[in-house]
């Protein structure tokens, strides 16, 4: 992909942590957990070689959750008026 899911180029990640801690208590831990899940996606190379059936159940779940994070949450739609850009 053209975007590395593990690298944030935002200069405001740490600056906003205090705000999130005050207003959205679960945001910072959830963000950290998402990064952790995306980093654990190592079995994806094995899946391409031997197939998903050869993985342990925990690895299958990790792969599926990381796919959901990328496809359902992080992916942007350039045609959508609210997803074209971030006014931040």
PDB file of N, CA and C in Angstrom:
ATOM      1  N   UNK A   1       0.827  -1.209   0.000  1.00  0.00           N
ATOM      2  CA  UNK A   1       0.000   0.000   0.000  1.00  0.00           C
ATOM      3  C   UNK A   1       0.858   1.254   0.000  1.00  0.00           C
ATOM      4  N   UNK A   2       0.289   2.348  -0.403  1.00  0.00           N
ATOM      5  CA  UNK A   2       1.039   3.600  -0.454  1.00  0.00           C
ATOM      6  C   UNK A   2       1.198   4.230   0.922  1.00  0.00           C
ATOM      7  N   UNK A   3       0.491   3.728   1.903  1.00  0.00           N
ATOM      8  CA  UNK A   3       0.559   4.268   3.261  1.00  0.00           C
ATOM      9  C   UNK A   3       1.092   3.189   4.195  1.00  0.00           C
ATOM     10  N   UNK A   4       2.052   3.557   5.025  1.00  0.00           N
ATOM     11  CA  UNK A   4       2.530   2.639   6.047  1.00  0.00           C
ATOM     12  C   UNK A   4       1.642   2.817   7.268  1.00  0.00           C
ATOM     13  N   UNK A   5       0.915   1.778   7.631  1.00  0.00           N
ATOM     14  CA  UNK A   5      -0.072   1.868   8.716  1.00  0.00           C
ATOM     15  C   UNK A   5       0.566   2.147  10.062  1.00  0.00           C
ATOM     16  N   UNK A   6       1.853   1.864  10.203  1.00  0.00           N
ATOM     17  CA  UNK A   6       2.508   1.971  11.497  1.00  0.00           C
ATOM     18  C   UNK A   6       3.175   3.318  11.737  1.00  0.00           C
ATOM     19  N   UNK A   7       3.281   4.135  10.692  1.00  0.00           N
ATOM     20  CA  UNK A   7       3.951   5.429  10.827  1.00  0.00           C
ATOM     21  C   UNK A   7       2.920   6.544  10.708  1.00  0.00           C
ATOM     22  N   UNK A   8       2.894   7.401  11.717  1.00  0.00           N
ATOM     23  CA  UNK A   8       2.016   8.561  11.652  1.00  0.00           C
ATOM     24  C   UNK A   8       2.868   9.785  11.347  1.00  0.00           C
ATOM     25  N   UNK A   9       2.465  10.530  10.348  1.00  0.00           N
ATOM     26  CA  UNK A   9       3.193  11.744   9.996  1.00  0.00           C
ATOM     27  C   UNK A   9       2.589  12.973  10.671  1.00  0.00           C
ATOM     28  N   UNK A  10       1.600  12.738  11.508  1.00  0.00           N
ATOM     29  CA  UNK A  10       0.971  13.839  12.219  1.00  0.00           C
ATOM     30  C   UNK A  10       1.924  14.378  13.281  1.00  0.00           C
ATOM     31  N   UNK A  11       1.987  15.672  13.380  1.00  0.00           N
ATOM     32  CA  UNK A  11       2.824  16.296  14.402  1.00  0.00           C
ATOM     33  C   UNK A  11       2.049  16.479  15.704  1.00  0.00           C
ATOM     34  N   UNK A  12       0.786  16.065  15.703  1.00  0.00           N
ATOM     35  CA  UNK A  12      -0.078  16.326  16.845  1.00  0.00           C
ATOM     36  C   UNK A  12      -0.408  15.084  17.660  1.00  0.00           C
ATOM     37  N   UNK A  13       0.198  13.954  17.349  1.00  0.00           N
ATOM     38  CA  UNK A  13      -0.161  12.711  18.027  1.00  0.00           C
ATOM     39  C   UNK A  13       0.013  12.825  19.536  1.00  0.00           C
ATOM     40  N   UNK A  14       1.188  13.177  19.982  1.00  0.00           N
ATOM     41  CA  UNK A  14       1.456  13.273  21.428  1.00  0.00           C
ATOM     42  C   UNK A  14       0.868  14.553  22.033  1.00  0.00           C
ATOM     43  N   UNK A  15       0.817  15.604  21.265  1.00  0.00           N
ATOM     44  CA  UNK A  15       0.310  16.882  21.762  1.00  0.00           C
ATOM     45  C   UNK A  15      -1.149  16.750  22.187  1.00  0.00           C
ATOM     46  N   UNK A  16      -1.909  15.946  21.475  1.00  0.00           N
ATOM     47  CA  UNK A  16      -3.336  15.802  21.753  1.00  0.00           C
ATOM     48  C   UNK A  16      -3.655  14.748  22.809  1.00  0.00           C
ATOM     49  N   UNK A  17      -2.665  14.022  23.295  1.00  0.00           N
ATOM     50  CA  UNK A  17      -2.928  12.968  24.278  1.00  0.00           C
ATOM     51  C   UNK A  17      -3.625  13.495  25.527  1.00  0.00           C
ATOM     52  N   UNK A  18      -3.216  14.652  26.032  1.00  0.00           N
ATOM     53  CA  UNK A  18      -3.873  15.220  27.220  1.00  0.00           C
ATOM     54  C   UNK A  18      -5.340  15.523  26.949  1.00  0.00           C
ATOM     55  N   UNK A  19      -5.615  16.066  25.770  1.00  0.00           N
ATOM     56  CA  UNK A  19      -7.001  16.358  25.390  1.00  0.00           C
ATOM     57  C   UNK A  19      -7.823  15.070  25.343  1.00  0.00           C
ATOM     58  N   UNK A  20      -7.274  14.046  24.707  1.00  0.00           N
ATOM     59  CA  UNK A  20      -7.991  12.771  24.618  1.00  0.00           C
ATOM     60  C   UNK A  20      -8.190  12.155  25.993  1.00  0.00           C
ATOM     61  N   UNK A  21      -7.176  12.245  26.856  1.00  0.00           N
ATOM     62  CA  UNK A  21      -7.302  11.691  28.204  1.00  0.00           C
ATOM     63  C   UNK A  21      -8.420  12.369  28.987  1.00  0.00           C
ATOM     64  N   UNK A  22      -8.610  13.655  28.771  1.00  0.00           N
ATOM     65  CA  UNK A  22      -9.663  14.391  29.475  1.00  0.00           C
ATOM     66  C   UNK A  22     -11.043  14.156  28.878  1.00  0.00           C
ATOM     67  N   UNK A  23     -11.126  14.047  27.564  1.00  0.00           N
ATOM     68  CA  UNK A  23     -12.428  14.007  26.895  1.00  0.00           C
ATOM     69  C   UNK A  23     -12.835  12.638  26.346  1.00  0.00           C
ATOM     70  N   UNK A  24     -11.874  11.813  26.004  1.00  0.00           N
ATOM     71  CA  UNK A  24     -12.150  10.493  25.424  1.00  0.00           C
ATOM     72  C   UNK A  24     -11.183   9.493  26.058  1.00  0.00           C
ATOM     73  N   UNK A  25     -11.503   9.043  27.247  1.00  0.00           N
ATOM     74  CA  UNK A  25     -10.579   8.241  28.050  1.00  0.00           C
ATOM     75  C   UNK A  25     -10.010   7.022  27.329  1.00  0.00           C
ATOM     76  N   UNK A  26     -10.789   6.399  26.485  1.00  0.00           N
ATOM     77  CA  UNK A  26     -10.341   5.156  25.864  1.00  0.00           C
ATOM     78  C   UNK A  26      -9.569   5.364  24.560  1.00  0.00           C
ATOM     79  N   UNK A  27      -9.483   6.579  24.068  1.00  0.00           N
ATOM     80  CA  UNK A  27      -8.884   6.802  22.751  1.00  0.00           C
ATOM     81  C   UNK A  27      -7.408   6.422  22.684  1.00  0.00           C
ATOM     82  N   UNK A  28      -6.602   6.913  23.597  1.00  0.00           N
ATOM     83  CA  UNK A  28      -5.155   6.668  23.545  1.00  0.00           C
ATOM     84  C   UNK A  28      -4.844   5.171  23.693  1.00  0.00           C
ATOM     85  N   UNK A  29      -5.453   4.470  24.667  1.00  0.00           N
ATOM     86  CA  UNK A  29      -5.193   3.025  24.745  1.00  0.00           C
ATOM     87  C   UNK A  29      -5.689   2.260  23.512  1.00  0.00           C
ATOM     88  N   UNK A  30      -6.821   2.672  22.942  1.00  0.00           N
ATOM     89  CA  UNK A  30      -7.328   2.006  21.740  1.00  0.00           C
ATOM     90  C   UNK A  30      -6.408   2.247  20.544  1.00  0.00           C
ATOM     91  N   UNK A  31      -5.883   3.461  20.433  1.00  0.00           N
ATOM     92  CA  UNK A  31      -4.939   3.759  19.354  1.00  0.00           C
ATOM     93  C   UNK A  31      -3.690   2.892  19.491  1.00  0.00           C
ATOM     94  N   UNK A  32      -3.199   2.765  20.716  1.00  0.00           N
ATOM     95  CA  UNK A  32      -2.014   1.935  20.960  1.00  0.00           C
ATOM     96  C   UNK A  32      -2.300   0.468  20.639  1.00  0.00           C
ATOM     97  N   UNK A  33      -3.493  -0.007  20.996  1.00  0.00           N
ATOM     98  CA  UNK A  33      -3.862  -1.399  20.721  1.00  0.00           C
ATOM     99  C   UNK A  33      -3.965  -1.645  19.214  1.00  0.00           C
ATOM    100  N   UNK A  34      -4.526  -0.696  18.478  1.00  0.00           N
ATOM    101  CA  UNK A  34      -4.612  -0.832  17.019  1.00  0.00           C
ATOM    102  C   UNK A  34      -3.223  -0.918  16.401  1.00  0.00           C
ATOM    103  N   UNK A  35      -2.302  -0.075  16.863  1.00  0.00           N
ATOM    104  CA  UNK A  35      -0.929  -0.125  16.350  1.00  0.00           C
ATOM    105  C   UNK A  35      -0.289  -1.474  16.659  1.00  0.00           C
ATOM    106  N   UNK A  36      -0.542  -1.972  17.866  1.00  0.00           N
ATOM    107  CA  UNK A  36       0.014  -3.263  18.267  1.00  0.00           C
ATOM    108  C   UNK A  36      -0.517  -4.390  17.373  1.00  0.00           C
ATOM    109  N   UNK A  37      -1.809  -4.375  17.095  1.00  0.00           N
ATOM    110  CA  UNK A  37      -2.411  -5.403  16.236  1.00  0.00           C
ATOM    111  C   UNK A  37      -1.841  -5.322  14.825  1.00  0.00           C
ATOM    112  N   UNK A  38      -1.686  -4.109  14.305  1.00  0.00           N
ATOM    113  CA  UNK A  38      -1.139  -3.951  12.958  1.00  0.00           C
ATOM    114  C   UNK A  38       0.321  -4.407  12.884  1.00  0.00           C
ATOM    115  N   UNK A  39       1.064  -4.265  13.985  1.00  0.00           N
ATOM    116  CA  UNK A  39       2.453  -4.721  14.010  1.00  0.00           C
ATOM    117  C   UNK A  39       2.542  -6.244  14.061  1.00  0.00           C
ATOM    118  N   UNK A  40       1.524  -6.890  14.635  1.00  0.00           N
ATOM    119  CA  UNK A  40       1.526  -8.350  14.769  1.00  0.00           C
ATOM    120  C   UNK A  40       1.117  -9.055  13.485  1.00  0.00           C
ATOM    121  N   UNK A  41       0.957  -8.339  12.421  1.00  0.00           N
ATOM    122  CA  UNK A  41       0.448  -8.913  11.184  1.00  0.00           C
ATOM    123  C   UNK A  41       1.514  -9.720  10.433  1.00  0.00           C
ATOM    124  N   UNK A  42       2.529 -10.179  11.107  1.00  0.00           N
ATOM    125  CA  UNK A  42       3.617 -10.930  10.481  1.00  0.00           C
ATOM    126  C   UNK A  42       3.163 -12.165   9.702  1.00  0.00           C
ATOM    127  N   UNK A  43       2.165 -12.914  10.156  1.00  0.00           N
ATOM    128  CA  UNK A  43       1.777 -14.130   9.424  1.00  0.00           C
ATOM    129  C   UNK A  43       1.238 -13.882   8.022  1.00  0.00           C
ATOM    130  N   UNK A  44       1.022 -12.639   7.627  1.00  0.00           N
ATOM    131  CA  UNK A  44       0.463 -12.380   6.296  1.00  0.00           C
ATOM    132  C   UNK A  44       1.371 -12.915   5.183  1.00  0.00           C
ATOM    133  N   UNK A  45       2.684 -12.914   5.408  1.00  0.00           N
ATOM    134  CA  UNK A  45       3.605 -13.483   4.415  1.00  0.00           C
ATOM    135  C   UNK A  45       3.422 -14.995   4.308  1.00  0.00           C
ATOM    136  N   UNK A  46       3.240 -15.644   5.454  1.00  0.00           N
ATOM    137  CA  UNK A  46       3.026 -17.092   5.479  1.00  0.00           C
ATOM    138  C   UNK A  46       1.720 -17.445   4.782  1.00  0.00           C
ATOM    139  N   UNK A  47       0.701 -16.644   5.006  1.00  0.00           N
ATOM    140  CA  UNK A  47      -0.605 -16.889   4.392  1.00  0.00           C
ATOM    141  C   UNK A  47      -0.485 -16.874   2.873  1.00  0.00           C
ATOM    142  N   UNK A  48       0.290 -15.963   2.344  1.00  0.00           N
ATOM    143  CA  UNK A  48       0.460 -15.880   0.896  1.00  0.00           C
ATOM    144  C   UNK A  48       1.147 -17.126   0.337  1.00  0.00           C
ATOM    145  N   UNK A  49       1.997 -17.751   1.142  1.00  0.00           N
ATOM    146  CA  UNK A  49       2.716 -18.939   0.674  1.00  0.00           C
ATOM    147  C   UNK A  49       1.918 -20.230   0.831  1.00  0.00           C
ATOM    148  N   UNK A  50       1.369 -20.451   2.031  1.00  0.00           N
ATOM    149  CA  UNK A  50       0.751 -21.753   2.316  1.00  0.00           C
ATOM    150  C   UNK A  50      -0.751 -21.698   2.556  1.00  0.00           C
ATOM    151  N   UNK A  51      -1.310 -20.522   2.663  1.00  0.00           N
ATOM    152  CA  UNK A  51      -2.753 -20.406   2.864  1.00  0.00           C
ATOM    153  C   UNK A  51      -3.133 -20.174   4.315  1.00  0.00           C
ATOM    154  N   UNK A  52      -4.326 -19.654   4.502  1.00  0.00           N
ATOM    155  CA  UNK A  52      -4.818 -19.284   5.824  1.00  0.00           C
ATOM    156  C   UNK A  52      -5.061 -20.501   6.719  1.00  0.00           C
ATOM    157  N   UNK A  53      -5.389 -21.630   6.119  1.00  0.00           N
ATOM    158  CA  UNK A  53      -5.712 -22.836   6.891  1.00  0.00           C
ATOM    159  C   UNK A  53      -4.532 -23.331   7.721  1.00  0.00           C
ATOM    160  N   UNK A  54      -3.312 -22.986   7.336  1.00  0.00           N
ATOM    161  CA  UNK A  54      -2.134 -23.470   8.056  1.00  0.00           C
ATOM    162  C   UNK A  54      -1.836 -22.662   9.321  1.00  0.00           C
ATOM    163  N   UNK A  55      -2.543 -21.570   9.532  1.00  0.00           N
ATOM    164  CA  UNK A  55      -2.288 -20.723  10.701  1.00  0.00           C
ATOM    165  C   UNK A  55      -3.011 -21.226  11.944  1.00  0.00           C
ATOM    166  N   UNK A  56      -2.456 -20.886  13.087  1.00  0.00           N
ATOM    167  CA  UNK A  56      -3.107 -21.145  14.364  1.00  0.00           C
ATOM    168  C   UNK A  56      -4.298 -20.185  14.471  1.00  0.00           C
ATOM    169  N   UNK A  57      -5.304 -20.554  15.259  1.00  0.00           N
ATOM    170  CA  UNK A  57      -6.518 -19.736  15.376  1.00  0.00           C
ATOM    171  C   UNK A  57      -6.217 -18.303  15.829  1.00  0.00           C
ATOM    172  N   UNK A  58      -5.290 -18.140  16.765  1.00  0.00           N
ATOM    173  CA  UNK A  58      -4.984 -16.783  17.242  1.00  0.00           C
ATOM    174  C   UNK A  58      -4.403 -15.919  16.125  1.00  0.00           C
ATOM    175  N   UNK A  59      -3.571 -16.523  15.276  1.00  0.00           N
ATOM    176  CA  UNK A  59      -3.014 -15.774  14.144  1.00  0.00           C
ATOM    177  C   UNK A  59      -4.090 -15.432  13.119  1.00  0.00           C
ATOM    178  N   UNK A  60      -5.043 -16.339  12.930  1.00  0.00           N
ATOM    179  CA  UNK A  60      -6.158 -16.063  12.018  1.00  0.00           C
ATOM    180  C   UNK A  60      -6.975 -14.875  12.517  1.00  0.00           C
ATOM    181  N   UNK A  61      -7.209 -14.843  13.820  1.00  0.00           N
ATOM    182  CA  UNK A  61      -7.977 -13.736  14.407  1.00  0.00           C
ATOM    183  C   UNK A  61      -7.206 -12.429  14.270  1.00  0.00           C
ATOM    184  N   UNK A  62      -5.903 -12.464  14.557  1.00  0.00           N
ATOM    185  CA  UNK A  62      -5.077 -11.264  14.426  1.00  0.00           C
ATOM    186  C   UNK A  62      -5.101 -10.733  13.001  1.00  0.00           C
ATOM    187  N   UNK A  63      -4.976 -11.623  12.024  1.00  0.00           N
ATOM    188  CA  UNK A  63      -5.033 -11.208  10.619  1.00  0.00           C
ATOM    189  C   UNK A  63      -6.375 -10.584  10.271  1.00  0.00           C
ATOM    190  N   UNK A  64      -7.451 -11.204  10.741  1.00  0.00           N
ATOM    191  CA  UNK A  64      -8.790 -10.696  10.427  1.00  0.00           C
ATOM    192  C   UNK A  64      -9.032  -9.335  11.082  1.00  0.00           C
ATOM    193  N   UNK A  65      -8.621  -9.189  12.334  1.00  0.00           N
ATOM    194  CA  UNK A  65      -8.804  -7.906  13.028  1.00  0.00           C
ATOM    195  C   UNK A  65      -7.957  -6.822  12.368  1.00  0.00           C
ATOM    196  N   UNK A  66      -6.729  -7.137  11.979  1.00  0.00           N
ATOM    197  CA  UNK A  66      -5.895  -6.124  11.315  1.00  0.00           C
ATOM    198  C   UNK A  66      -6.491  -5.743   9.962  1.00  0.00           C
ATOM    199  N   UNK A  67      -7.077  -6.718   9.257  1.00  0.00           N
ATOM    200  CA  UNK A  67      -7.749  -6.411   7.991  1.00  0.00           C
ATOM    201  C   UNK A  67      -8.940  -5.485   8.230  1.00  0.00           C
ATOM    202  N   UNK A  68      -9.696  -5.752   9.300  1.00  0.00           N
ATOM    203  CA  UNK A  68     -10.851  -4.911   9.618  1.00  0.00           C
ATOM    204  C   UNK A  68     -10.416  -3.492   9.978  1.00  0.00           C
ATOM    205  N   UNK A  69      -9.341  -3.366  10.742  1.00  0.00           N
ATOM    206  CA  UNK A  69      -8.841  -2.037  11.113  1.00  0.00           C
ATOM    207  C   UNK A  69      -8.462  -1.264   9.853  1.00  0.00           C
ATOM    208  N   UNK A  70      -7.738  -1.915   8.939  1.00  0.00           N
ATOM    209  CA  UNK A  70      -7.295  -1.238   7.714  1.00  0.00           C
ATOM    210  C   UNK A  70      -8.451  -0.943   6.761  1.00  0.00           C
ATOM    211  N   UNK A  71      -9.278  -1.953   6.500  1.00  0.00           N
ATOM    212  CA  UNK A  71     -10.332  -1.805   5.488  1.00  0.00           C
ATOM    213  C   UNK A  71     -11.547  -1.022   5.973  1.00  0.00           C
ATOM    214  N   UNK A  72     -11.916  -1.211   7.232  1.00  0.00           N
ATOM    215  CA  UNK A  72     -13.149  -0.604   7.730  1.00  0.00           C
ATOM    216  C   UNK A  72     -12.934   0.703   8.476  1.00  0.00           C
ATOM    217  N   UNK A  73     -11.733   0.910   9.003  1.00  0.00           N
ATOM    218  CA  UNK A  73     -11.516   2.103   9.822  1.00  0.00           C
ATOM    219  C   UNK A  73     -10.518   3.077   9.199  1.00  0.00           C
ATOM    220  N   UNK A  74      -9.374   2.588   8.767  1.00  0.00           N
ATOM    221  CA  UNK A  74      -8.322   3.480   8.275  1.00  0.00           C
ATOM    222  C   UNK A  74      -8.456   3.869   6.810  1.00  0.00           C
ATOM    223  N   UNK A  75      -9.110   3.047   6.034  1.00  0.00           N
ATOM    224  CA  UNK A  75      -9.207   3.326   4.606  1.00  0.00           C
ATOM    225  C   UNK A  75     -10.077   4.551   4.348  1.00  0.00           C
ATOM    226  N   UNK A  76      -9.609   5.406   3.471  1.00  0.00           N
ATOM    227  CA  UNK A  76     -10.350   6.616   3.133  1.00  0.00           C
ATOM    228  C   UNK A  76     -10.958   6.485   1.749  1.00  0.00           C
ATOM    229  N   UNK A  77     -12.016   7.220   1.550  1.00  0.00           N
ATOM    230  CA  UNK A  77     -12.704   7.231   0.266  1.00  0.00           C
ATOM    231  C   UNK A  77     -12.542   8.619  -0.337  1.00  0.00           C
ATOM    232  N   UNK A  78     -11.759   8.729  -1.393  1.00  0.00           N
ATOM    233  CA  UNK A  78     -11.493  10.023  -2.019  1.00  0.00           C
ATOM    234  C   UNK A  78     -12.715  10.675  -2.630  1.00  0.00           C
ATOM    235  N   UNK A  79     -13.761   9.900  -2.871  1.00  0.00           N
ATOM    236  CA  UNK A  79     -14.978  10.450  -3.469  1.00  0.00           C
ATOM    237  C   UNK A  79     -15.956  10.969  -2.419  1.00  0.00           C
ATOM    238  N   UNK A  80     -15.708  10.643  -1.171  1.00  0.00           N
ATOM    239  CA  UNK A  80     -16.599  11.062  -0.094  1.00  0.00           C
ATOM    240  C   UNK A  80     -16.251  12.490   0.338  1.00  0.00           C
ATOM    241  N   UNK A  81     -17.264  13.309   0.556  1.00  0.00           N
ATOM    242  CA  UNK A  81     -17.020  14.712   0.926  1.00  0.00           C
ATOM    243  C   UNK A  81     -16.345  14.839   2.291  1.00  0.00           C
ATOM    244  N   UNK A  82     -16.612  13.923   3.208  1.00  0.00           N
ATOM    245  CA  UNK A  82     -16.016  14.018   4.534  1.00  0.00           C
ATOM    246  C   UNK A  82     -14.684  13.266   4.626  1.00  0.00           C
ATOM    247  N   UNK A  83     -14.316  12.510   3.622  1.00  0.00           N
ATOM    248  CA  UNK A  83     -13.090  11.726   3.658  1.00  0.00           C
ATOM    249  C   UNK A  83     -12.001  12.255   2.731  1.00  0.00           C
ATOM    250  N   UNK A  84     -12.300  13.266   1.929  1.00  0.00           N
ATOM    251  CA  UNK A  84     -11.321  13.787   0.971  1.00  0.00           C
ATOM    252  C   UNK A  84     -10.109  14.379   1.664  1.00  0.00           C
ATOM    253  N   UNK A  85     -10.351  15.073   2.737  1.00  0.00           N
ATOM    254  CA  UNK A  85      -9.263  15.725   3.451  1.00  0.00           C
ATOM    255  C   UNK A  85      -9.674  15.914   4.896  1.00  0.00           C
ATOM    256  N   UNK A  86      -8.698  16.206   5.723  1.00  0.00           N
ATOM    257  CA  UNK A  86      -8.968  16.477   7.131  1.00  0.00           C
ATOM    258  C   UNK A  86      -8.653  17.946   7.385  1.00  0.00           C
ATOM    259  N   UNK A  87      -9.620  18.725   7.874  1.00  0.00           N
ATOM    260  CA  UNK A  87      -9.387  20.153   8.091  1.00  0.00           C
ATOM    261  C   UNK A  87      -8.483  20.436   9.278  1.00  0.00           C
ATOM    262  N   UNK A  88      -8.034  19.401   9.968  1.00  0.00           N
ATOM    263  CA  UNK A  88      -7.206  19.555  11.157  1.00  0.00           C
ATOM    264  C   UNK A  88      -5.974  20.319  10.781  1.00  0.00           C
TER     265      UNK A  88
END
